[in-house]
Amino acid sequence: MSARRLVLLIAGAATVAAGPLGYRTGMLPLLPALGLVAVGLLATTWMFAKGVLWFLRRRASEQQQNLAAVVLALAAGVVVVPMATLLPAVGAPVIHDITTDTEDPPLFDAIVAIRGDTSNPLEYRGPELAATQRAAYPDIQPLVVGRPSDEVLDMSRAVAEELGWEIVTVDPDRGLMEATDTTYWFGFKDDVAVRLRPVDGDATRVDVRSISRVGGGDLGANAARIRRFLEALTAAGG
């Protein structure tokens, strides 16, 4: 692998990493940061493919091959995160507000003050959004847990903490928990409301709503977050 290709490969990988880092630190707005990732990802993937072909041909000294192997491994490590995020989200609708109850979605209260003026609005967009969600994520449904609401609320908090959410408030009187989850890659802040309502004796209906603070679409992140929470809550409830 030539020195020029090595430099281009390293530069592409650095660009992929620079986008999220710049956004997390406040040095870059969202769109330029995403643009950096797109450009860097294309360049790194292209040079990585060419580098692999060169490496397989073994037309170089052992020292050059070792250097190429190290650089290719580093580049692959940088590309893995965006690819793992983007590929499963292919075909996801451009929506960012997901809930188990589209007719009466859980409301946010305490979290409103910390979202900021530039965040996406919290008002639910109604039947059109509900129809889009049902078509894309038919599995996002309420969960009924066979335990009293106070126990389920404690379980919900424990599950949220295990998932790494930041608990904003827990209101036993209203059966409501609000939390914020920070995404791994770009550090996006997504807000979650968990609402509990008694049903059929000692059972409790659990509804969850997850909404992104920025962006028109969420690459399926909010639906995946609700699934993880409900699966963990189901396991915790026995």
C-alpha atoms as a PDB file:
ATOM      1  CA  MET A   1       0.000   0.000   0.000  1.00  0.00           C
ATOM      2  CA  SER A   2       1.440   3.339  -1.036  1.00  0.00           C
ATOM      3  CA  ALA A   3       2.113   6.108   1.452  1.00  0.00           C
ATOM      4  CA  ARG A   4      -0.488   8.245  -0.333  1.00  0.00           C
ATOM      5  CA  ARG A   5      -3.202   5.633   0.127  1.00  0.00           C
ATOM      6  CA  LEU A   6      -2.281   5.171   3.748  1.00  0.00           C
ATOM      7  CA  VAL A   7      -2.564   8.908   4.341  1.00  0.00           C
ATOM      8  CA  LEU A   8      -5.933   9.071   2.561  1.00  0.00           C
ATOM      9  CA  LEU A   9      -7.210   6.119   4.573  1.00  0.00           C
ATOM     10  CA  ILE A  10      -6.140   7.678   7.862  1.00  0.00           C
ATOM     11  CA  ALA A  11      -7.605  11.056   6.830  1.00  0.00           C
ATOM     12  CA  GLY A  12     -10.958   9.451   5.941  1.00  0.00           C
ATOM     13  CA  ALA A  13     -11.110   7.595   9.244  1.00  0.00           C
ATOM     14  CA  ALA A  14     -10.219  10.769  11.135  1.00  0.00           C
ATOM     15  CA  THR A  15     -13.002  12.642   9.320  1.00  0.00           C
ATOM     16  CA  VAL A  16     -15.568  10.008  10.326  1.00  0.00           C
ATOM     17  CA  ALA A  17     -14.488  10.409  13.943  1.00  0.00           C
ATOM     18  CA  ALA A  18     -14.324  14.224  13.736  1.00  0.00           C
ATOM     19  CA  GLY A  19     -18.034  14.680  12.943  1.00  0.00           C
ATOM     20  CA  PRO A  20     -19.462  13.221  16.171  1.00  0.00           C
ATOM     21  CA  LEU A  21     -16.628  14.672  18.224  1.00  0.00           C
ATOM     22  CA  GLY A  22     -17.226  18.147  16.815  1.00  0.00           C
ATOM     23  CA  TYR A  23     -20.961  17.915  17.486  1.00  0.00           C
ATOM     24  CA  ARG A  24     -20.548  16.551  21.021  1.00  0.00           C
ATOM     25  CA  THR A  25     -18.139  19.360  21.939  1.00  0.00           C
ATOM     26  CA  GLY A  26     -20.319  22.061  20.381  1.00  0.00           C
ATOM     27  CA  MET A  27     -17.699  22.983  17.788  1.00  0.00           C
ATOM     28  CA  LEU A  28     -19.849  21.848  14.839  1.00  0.00           C
ATOM     29  CA  PRO A  29     -23.575  22.206  14.098  1.00  0.00           C
ATOM     30  CA  LEU A  30     -25.443  19.015  13.295  1.00  0.00           C
ATOM     31  CA  LEU A  31     -25.568  19.238   9.488  1.00  0.00           C
ATOM     32  CA  PRO A  32     -21.843  19.975   8.980  1.00  0.00           C
ATOM     33  CA  ALA A  33     -21.018  17.177  11.434  1.00  0.00           C
ATOM     34  CA  LEU A  34     -23.191  14.725   9.495  1.00  0.00           C
ATOM     35  CA  GLY A  35     -21.589  15.938   6.267  1.00  0.00           C
ATOM     36  CA  LEU A  36     -18.139  15.181   7.627  1.00  0.00           C
ATOM     37  CA  VAL A  37     -19.203  11.673   8.544  1.00  0.00           C
ATOM     38  CA  ALA A  38     -20.699  11.055   5.087  1.00  0.00           C
ATOM     39  CA  VAL A  39     -17.592  12.269   3.246  1.00  0.00           C
ATOM     40  CA  GLY A  40     -15.220  10.460   5.578  1.00  0.00           C
ATOM     41  CA  LEU A  41     -17.244   7.249   5.446  1.00  0.00           C
ATOM     42  CA  LEU A  42     -17.243   7.179   1.646  1.00  0.00           C
ATOM     43  CA  ALA A  43     -13.520   7.884   1.454  1.00  0.00           C
ATOM     44  CA  THR A  44     -12.597   5.409   4.173  1.00  0.00           C
ATOM     45  CA  THR A  45     -14.752   2.623   2.749  1.00  0.00           C
ATOM     46  CA  TRP A  46     -13.312   3.107  -0.739  1.00  0.00           C
ATOM     47  CA  MET A  47      -9.718   3.199   0.416  1.00  0.00           C
ATOM     48  CA  PHE A  48     -10.338   0.309   2.805  1.00  0.00           C
ATOM     49  CA  ALA A  49     -11.609  -1.859  -0.057  1.00  0.00           C
ATOM     50  CA  LYS A  50      -8.610  -0.972  -2.211  1.00  0.00           C
ATOM     51  CA  GLY A  51      -6.283  -1.570   0.713  1.00  0.00           C
ATOM     52  CA  VAL A  52      -7.710  -5.033   1.340  1.00  0.00           C
ATOM     53  CA  LEU A  53      -7.187  -5.964  -2.319  1.00  0.00           C
ATOM     54  CA  TRP A  54      -3.620  -4.691  -2.158  1.00  0.00           C
ATOM     55  CA  PHE A  55      -2.995  -6.545   1.082  1.00  0.00           C
ATOM     56  CA  LEU A  56      -4.266  -9.839  -0.351  1.00  0.00           C
ATOM     57  CA  ARG A  57      -1.925  -9.569  -3.316  1.00  0.00           C
ATOM     58  CA  ARG A  58       1.067  -9.288  -0.953  1.00  0.00           C
ATOM     59  CA  ARG A  59       3.202  -7.233  -3.345  1.00  0.00           C
ATOM     60  CA  ALA A  60       5.162  -5.586  -0.584  1.00  0.00           C
ATOM     61  CA  SER A  61       7.701  -6.217   2.120  1.00  0.00           C
ATOM     62  CA  GLU A  62       6.663  -7.796   5.396  1.00  0.00           C
ATOM     63  CA  GLN A  63       7.113  -4.449   7.157  1.00  0.00           C
ATOM     64  CA  GLN A  64       4.804  -2.718   4.666  1.00  0.00           C
ATOM     65  CA  GLN A  65       2.236  -5.468   5.031  1.00  0.00           C
ATOM     66  CA  ASN A  66       2.292  -5.183   8.830  1.00  0.00           C
ATOM     67  CA  LEU A  67       1.827  -1.432   8.621  1.00  0.00           C
ATOM     68  CA  ALA A  68      -1.043  -1.827   6.173  1.00  0.00           C
ATOM     69  CA  ALA A  69      -2.691  -4.410   8.411  1.00  0.00           C
ATOM     70  CA  VAL A  70      -2.589  -2.064  11.402  1.00  0.00           C
ATOM     71  CA  VAL A  71      -3.996   0.876   9.433  1.00  0.00           C
ATOM     72  CA  LEU A  72      -6.741  -1.278   7.877  1.00  0.00           C
ATOM     73  CA  ALA A  73      -7.736  -2.567  11.308  1.00  0.00           C
ATOM     74  CA  LEU A  74      -7.943   0.970  12.694  1.00  0.00           C
ATOM     75  CA  ALA A  75      -9.990   2.134   9.714  1.00  0.00           C
ATOM     76  CA  ALA A  76     -12.354  -0.829  10.062  1.00  0.00           C
ATOM     77  CA  GLY A  77     -12.841   0.023  13.732  1.00  0.00           C
ATOM     78  CA  VAL A  78     -13.829   3.595  12.842  1.00  0.00           C
ATOM     79  CA  VAL A  79     -16.260   2.467  10.136  1.00  0.00           C
ATOM     80  CA  VAL A  80     -17.957  -0.190  12.293  1.00  0.00           C
ATOM     81  CA  VAL A  81     -19.913   2.266  14.490  1.00  0.00           C
ATOM     82  CA  PRO A  82     -21.593   4.271  11.698  1.00  0.00           C
ATOM     83  CA  MET A  83     -22.243   1.140   9.648  1.00  0.00           C
ATOM     84  CA  ALA A  84     -23.776  -0.644  12.648  1.00  0.00           C
ATOM     85  CA  THR A  85     -26.017   2.389  13.184  1.00  0.00           C
ATOM     86  CA  LEU A  86     -27.009   3.045   9.593  1.00  0.00           C
ATOM     87  CA  LEU A  87     -27.484  -0.404   8.072  1.00  0.00           C
ATOM     88  CA  PRO A  88     -30.222  -1.643  10.474  1.00  0.00           C
ATOM     89  CA  ALA A  89     -32.064   1.652   9.954  1.00  0.00           C
ATOM     90  CA  VAL A  90     -32.397   1.296   6.178  1.00  0.00           C
ATOM     91  CA  GLY A  91     -36.045   1.885   5.335  1.00  0.00           C
ATOM     92  CA  ALA A  92     -36.903   3.508   8.678  1.00  0.00           C
ATOM     93  CA  PRO A  93     -39.544   6.264   8.322  1.00  0.00           C
ATOM     94  CA  VAL A  94     -38.581   9.895   8.852  1.00  0.00           C
ATOM     95  CA  ILE A  95     -40.240  10.224  12.261  1.00  0.00           C
ATOM     96  CA  HIS A  96     -38.762  10.841  15.702  1.00  0.00           C
ATOM     97  CA  ASP A  97     -41.695  10.473  18.142  1.00  0.00           C
ATOM     98  CA  ILE A  98     -42.635   6.881  19.019  1.00  0.00           C
ATOM     99  CA  THR A  99     -45.150   5.697  21.608  1.00  0.00           C
ATOM    100  CA  THR A 100     -47.000   2.570  22.674  1.00  0.00           C
ATOM    101  CA  ASP A 101     -50.222   4.594  22.907  1.00  0.00           C
ATOM    102  CA  THR A 102     -50.857   6.630  19.761  1.00  0.00           C
ATOM    103  CA  GLU A 103     -54.364   7.651  20.864  1.00  0.00           C
ATOM    104  CA  ASP A 104     -53.359   8.998  24.272  1.00  0.00           C
ATOM    105  CA  PRO A 105     -49.550   9.263  24.328  1.00  0.00           C
ATOM    106  CA  PRO A 106     -47.753   9.825  27.651  1.00  0.00           C
ATOM    107  CA  LEU A 107     -47.079  13.506  28.321  1.00  0.00           C
ATOM    108  CA  PHE A 108     -43.874  15.160  29.462  1.00  0.00           C
ATOM    109  CA  ASP A 109     -43.744  17.558  32.398  1.00  0.00           C
ATOM    110  CA  ALA A 110     -40.520  18.009  34.359  1.00  0.00           C
ATOM    111  CA  ILE A 111     -38.384  17.331  31.319  1.00  0.00           C
ATOM    112  CA  VAL A 112     -39.845  20.248  29.350  1.00  0.00           C
ATOM    113  CA  ALA A 113     -37.677  22.809  31.151  1.00  0.00           C
ATOM    114  CA  ILE A 114     -34.404  21.104  30.216  1.00  0.00           C
ATOM    115  CA  ARG A 115     -35.083  20.366  26.535  1.00  0.00           C
ATOM    116  CA  GLY A 116     -34.206  23.821  25.228  1.00  0.00           C
ATOM    117  CA  ASP A 117     -36.010  26.135  22.828  1.00  0.00           C
ATOM    118  CA  THR A 118     -34.514  24.551  19.695  1.00  0.00           C
ATOM    119  CA  SER A 119     -35.708  21.016  20.468  1.00  0.00           C
ATOM    120  CA  ASN A 120     -38.418  19.254  18.487  1.00  0.00           C
ATOM    121  CA  PRO A 121     -41.906  20.117  19.786  1.00  0.00           C
ATOM    122  CA  LEU A 122     -43.530  17.717  22.233  1.00  0.00           C
ATOM    123  CA  GLU A 123     -47.047  18.048  20.808  1.00  0.00           C
ATOM    124  CA  TYR A 124     -48.091  14.729  19.291  1.00  0.00           C
ATOM    125  CA  ARG A 125     -48.783  15.009  15.569  1.00  0.00           C
ATOM    126  CA  GLY A 126     -51.915  12.880  15.632  1.00  0.00           C
ATOM    127  CA  PRO A 127     -53.389  10.292  13.223  1.00  0.00           C
ATOM    128  CA  GLU A 128     -50.849  10.788  10.425  1.00  0.00           C
ATOM    129  CA  LEU A 129     -47.898  10.071  12.718  1.00  0.00           C
ATOM    130  CA  ALA A 130     -49.770   7.196  14.352  1.00  0.00           C
ATOM    131  CA  ALA A 131     -50.451   5.577  10.983  1.00  0.00           C
ATOM    132  CA  THR A 132     -46.817   5.901   9.920  1.00  0.00           C
ATOM    133  CA  GLN A 133     -45.640   4.369  13.182  1.00  0.00           C
ATOM    134  CA  ARG A 134     -48.072   1.448  13.019  1.00  0.00           C
ATOM    135  CA  ALA A 135     -46.934   0.620   9.489  1.00  0.00           C
ATOM    136  CA  ALA A 136     -43.242   0.744  10.410  1.00  0.00           C
ATOM    137  CA  TYR A 137     -43.294  -0.603  13.977  1.00  0.00           C
ATOM    138  CA  PRO A 138     -46.432  -2.716  14.537  1.00  0.00           C
ATOM    139  CA  ASP A 139     -44.755  -4.399  17.509  1.00  0.00           C
ATOM    140  CA  ILE A 140     -44.622  -1.201  19.573  1.00  0.00           C
ATOM    141  CA  GLN A 141     -47.540  -1.913  21.897  1.00  0.00           C
ATOM    142  CA  PRO A 142     -48.428  -1.363  25.582  1.00  0.00           C
ATOM    143  CA  LEU A 143     -47.178  -3.898  28.108  1.00  0.00           C
ATOM    144  CA  VAL A 144     -49.318  -5.328  30.910  1.00  0.00           C
ATOM    145  CA  VAL A 145     -47.337  -6.428  33.953  1.00  0.00           C
ATOM    146  CA  GLY A 146     -49.058  -8.590  36.569  1.00  0.00           C
ATOM    147  CA  ARG A 147     -47.921  -6.466  39.514  1.00  0.00           C
ATOM    148  CA  PRO A 148     -49.180  -3.338  41.324  1.00  0.00           C
ATOM    149  CA  SER A 149     -48.203   0.043  39.894  1.00  0.00           C
ATOM    150  CA  ASP A 150     -45.868   0.981  42.744  1.00  0.00           C
ATOM    151  CA  GLU A 151     -43.819  -2.174  42.197  1.00  0.00           C
ATOM    152  CA  VAL A 152     -43.764  -1.663  38.443  1.00  0.00           C
ATOM    153  CA  LEU A 153     -42.615   1.925  38.916  1.00  0.00           C
ATOM    154  CA  ASP A 154     -39.671   0.753  41.031  1.00  0.00           C
ATOM    155  CA  MET A 155     -38.879  -1.888  38.418  1.00  0.00           C
ATOM    156  CA  SER A 156     -39.107   0.714  35.644  1.00  0.00           C
ATOM    157  CA  ARG A 157     -36.618   2.969  37.386  1.00  0.00           C
ATOM    158  CA  ALA A 158     -34.205   0.097  37.947  1.00  0.00           C
ATOM    159  CA  VAL A 159     -34.442  -0.953  34.295  1.00  0.00           C
ATOM    160  CA  ALA A 160     -33.936   2.625  33.075  1.00  0.00           C
ATOM    161  CA  GLU A 161     -30.824   2.976  35.201  1.00  0.00           C
ATOM    162  CA  GLU A 162     -29.472  -0.336  33.910  1.00  0.00           C
ATOM    163  CA  LEU A 163     -29.972   0.948  30.371  1.00  0.00           C
ATOM    164  CA  GLY A 164     -27.960   4.048  31.207  1.00  0.00           C
ATOM    165  CA  TRP A 165     -30.809   6.553  31.151  1.00  0.00           C
ATOM    166  CA  GLU A 166     -30.609   9.721  33.216  1.00  0.00           C
ATOM    167  CA  ILE A 167     -33.665   9.810  35.473  1.00  0.00           C
ATOM    168  CA  VAL A 168     -35.257  13.262  35.493  1.00  0.00           C
ATOM    169  CA  THR A 169     -38.258  12.586  37.736  1.00  0.00           C
ATOM    170  CA  VAL A 170     -40.288   9.763  39.248  1.00  0.00           C
ATOM    171  CA  ASP A 171     -43.841  10.673  40.312  1.00  0.00           C
ATOM    172  CA  PRO A 172     -45.596   7.804  42.166  1.00  0.00           C
ATOM    173  CA  ASP A 173     -48.837   9.795  42.519  1.00  0.00           C
ATOM    174  CA  ARG A 174     -49.232  10.057  38.752  1.00  0.00           C
ATOM    175  CA  GLY A 175     -47.454   6.820  37.907  1.00  0.00           C
ATOM    176  CA  LEU A 176     -44.995   8.678  35.713  1.00  0.00           C
ATOM    177  CA  MET A 177     -41.255   8.503  35.131  1.00  0.00           C
ATOM    178  CA  GLU A 178     -39.308  10.828  32.847  1.00  0.00           C
ATOM    179  CA  ALA A 179     -35.754  10.199  31.703  1.00  0.00           C
ATOM    180  CA  THR A 180     -33.178  11.148  29.081  1.00  0.00           C
ATOM    181  CA  ASP A 181     -31.090   8.731  27.042  1.00  0.00           C
ATOM    182  CA  THR A 182     -27.901   9.891  25.312  1.00  0.00           C
ATOM    183  CA  THR A 183     -26.986   8.049  22.117  1.00  0.00           C
ATOM    184  CA  TYR A 184     -23.554   6.481  21.922  1.00  0.00           C
ATOM    185  CA  TRP A 185     -22.273   7.871  18.652  1.00  0.00           C
ATOM    186  CA  PHE A 186     -23.303  11.518  18.267  1.00  0.00           C
ATOM    187  CA  GLY A 187     -24.483  12.020  21.822  1.00  0.00           C
ATOM    188  CA  PHE A 188     -28.028  12.917  20.789  1.00  0.00           C
ATOM    189  CA  LYS A 189     -30.430  13.512  23.686  1.00  0.00           C
ATOM    190  CA  ASP A 190     -33.701  11.581  23.434  1.00  0.00           C
ATOM    191  CA  ASP A 191     -36.388  11.964  26.098  1.00  0.00           C
ATOM    192  CA  VAL A 192     -38.551   9.171  27.468  1.00  0.00           C
ATOM    193  CA  ALA A 193     -41.818   9.157  29.431  1.00  0.00           C
ATOM    194  CA  VAL A 194     -43.058   5.970  31.116  1.00  0.00           C
ATOM    195  CA  ARG A 195     -46.702   6.003  32.267  1.00  0.00           C
ATOM    196  CA  LEU A 196     -48.326   3.393  34.507  1.00  0.00           C
ATOM    197  CA  ARG A 197     -52.061   2.758  34.881  1.00  0.00           C
ATOM    198  CA  PRO A 198     -53.772   0.058  36.991  1.00  0.00           C
ATOM    199  CA  VAL A 199     -55.777  -2.549  35.082  1.00  0.00           C
ATOM    200  CA  ASP A 200     -57.618  -5.716  36.101  1.00  0.00           C
ATOM    201  CA  GLY A 201     -56.911  -5.915  39.795  1.00  0.00           C
ATOM    202  CA  ASP A 202     -53.216  -5.808  40.630  1.00  0.00           C
ATOM    203  CA  ALA A 203     -51.984  -5.640  37.037  1.00  0.00           C
ATOM    204  CA  THR A 204     -50.420  -2.512  35.523  1.00  0.00           C
ATOM    205  CA  ARG A 205     -50.447  -1.219  31.970  1.00  0.00           C
ATOM    206  CA  VAL A 206     -47.116   0.324  30.928  1.00  0.00           C
ATOM    207  CA  ASP A 207     -46.983   2.898  28.133  1.00  0.00           C
ATOM    208  CA  VAL A 208     -43.757   4.436  26.883  1.00  0.00           C
ATOM    209  CA  ARG A 209     -43.010   7.409  24.674  1.00  0.00           C
ATOM    210  CA  SER A 210     -39.573   8.241  23.292  1.00  0.00           C
ATOM    211  CA  ILE A 211     -38.872  11.421  21.324  1.00  0.00           C
ATOM    212  CA  SER A 212     -35.706  12.905  19.854  1.00  0.00           C
ATOM    213  CA  ARG A 213     -34.729  16.471  20.648  1.00  0.00           C
ATOM    214  CA  VAL A 214     -33.208  17.079  17.193  1.00  0.00           C
ATOM    215  CA  GLY A 215     -33.653  15.754  13.684  1.00  0.00           C
ATOM    216  CA  GLY A 216     -36.585  14.855  11.488  1.00  0.00           C
ATOM    217  CA  GLY A 217     -35.873  11.119  11.605  1.00  0.00           C
ATOM    218  CA  ASP A 218     -34.265   8.936  14.247  1.00  0.00           C
ATOM    219  CA  LEU A 219     -32.949   5.944  12.223  1.00  0.00           C
ATOM    220  CA  GLY A 220     -35.248   3.724  14.265  1.00  0.00           C
ATOM    221  CA  ALA A 221     -33.555   4.648  17.556  1.00  0.00           C
ATOM    222  CA  ASN A 222     -36.703   5.504  19.530  1.00  0.00           C
ATOM    223  CA  ALA A 223     -38.524   2.313  18.589  1.00  0.00           C
ATOM    224  CA  ALA A 224     -35.434   0.259  19.437  1.00  0.00           C
ATOM    225  CA  ARG A 225     -35.175   2.046  22.803  1.00  0.00           C
ATOM    226  CA  ILE A 226     -38.792   1.253  23.690  1.00  0.00           C
ATOM    227  CA  ARG A 227     -38.292  -2.394  22.703  1.00  0.00           C
ATOM    228  CA  ARG A 228     -35.217  -2.714  24.902  1.00  0.00           C
ATOM    229  CA  PHE A 229     -37.001  -1.149  27.852  1.00  0.00           C
ATOM    230  CA  LEU A 230     -40.130  -3.286  27.588  1.00  0.00           C
ATOM    231  CA  GLU A 231     -38.113  -6.477  27.065  1.00  0.00           C
ATOM    232  CA  ALA A 232     -36.011  -5.717  30.138  1.00  0.00           C
ATOM    233  CA  LEU A 233     -39.108  -4.815  32.167  1.00  0.00           C
ATOM    234  CA  THR A 234     -40.786  -8.058  31.129  1.00  0.00           C
ATOM    235  CA  ALA A 235     -37.722 -10.011  32.226  1.00  0.00           C
ATOM    236  CA  ALA A 236     -37.593  -8.124  35.528  1.00  0.00           C
ATOM    237  CA  GLY A 237     -41.247  -8.861  36.202  1.00  0.00           C
ATOM    238  CA  GLY A 238     -40.699 -12.563  35.867  1.00  0.00           C
END
